[in-house]
Amino acid sequence: MKAKVHHLDLRGTISPITLLKVSQVFREMGTGQILEVLASDPDTKEEIFRVLNPSQYELIETKEQDSFYQITLKKE
């Protein structure tokens, strides 16, 4: 069975709001589900890993695009 994927397009959103939304969605997710975050604030790329407990997720992928980046996490 394919894991449920949660998409958050937060491009143009400042880091504190992005981190709040990521935390909220992550708390509601079930084990094995995927979170895909699109963001453009450069601070978010580093801060997202400080907000989430490292033992609760697996980093699947990070991708840099022209004006944004994508972070894909799997909840453990």
Protein backbone atom coordinates (compact mmCIF):
# COMPACT_ATOMS: atom_id res chain seq x y z
CA MET A 1 0.00 0.00 0.00
CA LYS A 2 1.28 3.45 -0.92
CA ALA A 3 1.89 5.93 1.93
CA LYS A 4 -0.36 8.98 2.20
CA VAL A 5 1.44 12.15 1.09
CA HIS A 6 0.74 15.54 2.68
CA HIS A 7 1.68 18.54 0.51
CA LEU A 8 2.42 21.97 1.97
CA ASP A 9 3.11 24.75 -0.53
CA LEU A 10 4.47 27.51 1.68
CA ARG A 11 6.40 29.48 -0.92
CA GLY A 12 6.34 33.15 -0.04
CA THR A 13 5.57 32.45 3.63
CA ILE A 14 7.96 33.68 6.33
CA SER A 15 9.85 31.11 8.37
CA PRO A 16 7.89 31.29 11.68
CA ILE A 17 4.56 30.69 9.90
CA THR A 18 6.06 27.92 7.78
CA LEU A 19 7.46 26.16 10.84
CA LEU A 20 4.13 26.44 12.67
CA LYS A 21 2.23 24.89 9.74
CA VAL A 22 4.80 22.11 9.29
CA SER A 23 4.62 21.27 13.01
CA GLN A 24 0.82 21.19 12.98
CA VAL A 25 0.57 18.90 9.96
CA PHE A 26 3.38 16.66 11.19
CA ARG A 27 1.62 16.13 14.55
CA GLU A 28 -1.57 15.06 12.74
CA MET A 29 0.21 12.63 10.41
CA GLY A 30 0.32 8.90 11.00
CA THR A 31 3.42 6.73 11.08
CA GLY A 32 4.76 6.02 7.60
CA GLN A 33 3.07 9.03 6.02
CA ILE A 34 5.04 11.48 3.88
CA LEU A 35 5.27 15.26 4.20
CA GLU A 36 6.37 17.27 1.17
CA VAL A 37 7.14 20.93 1.92
CA LEU A 38 7.74 23.59 -0.73
CA ALA A 39 9.22 26.76 0.76
CA SER A 40 11.19 29.78 -0.35
CA ASP A 41 12.39 31.36 2.93
CA PRO A 42 16.08 30.39 3.29
CA ASP A 43 15.81 30.19 7.10
CA THR A 44 13.14 27.51 6.90
CA LYS A 45 15.48 25.05 5.22
CA GLU A 46 17.64 24.88 8.36
CA GLU A 47 15.03 25.62 11.02
CA ILE A 48 12.64 22.85 10.01
CA PHE A 49 15.12 20.28 11.32
CA ARG A 50 15.36 22.10 14.68
CA VAL A 51 11.59 22.15 15.15
CA LEU A 52 10.98 18.46 14.45
CA ASN A 53 12.38 15.75 16.70
CA PRO A 54 15.05 13.86 14.67
CA SER A 55 13.83 10.50 15.97
CA GLN A 56 10.36 11.13 14.53
CA TYR A 57 11.21 11.45 10.85
CA GLU A 58 13.38 10.15 8.05
CA LEU A 59 14.68 12.68 5.53
CA ILE A 60 13.71 11.33 2.13
CA GLU A 61 14.89 14.13 -0.13
CA THR A 62 15.81 17.79 -0.44
CA LYS A 63 15.73 19.54 -3.81
CA GLU A 64 16.78 23.05 -4.76
CA GLN A 65 14.75 24.77 -7.47
CA ASP A 66 15.27 28.25 -8.94
CA SER A 67 13.27 30.21 -6.37
CA PHE A 68 12.30 27.57 -3.82
CA TYR A 69 13.23 24.21 -2.40
CA GLN A 70 11.45 20.98 -1.56
CA ILE A 71 11.92 18.92 1.61
CA THR A 72 10.37 15.46 1.80
CA LEU A 73 10.09 13.70 5.17
CA LYS A 74 8.63 10.38 6.29
CA LYS A 75 7.12 10.19 9.77
CA GLU A 76 8.49 7.33 11.85
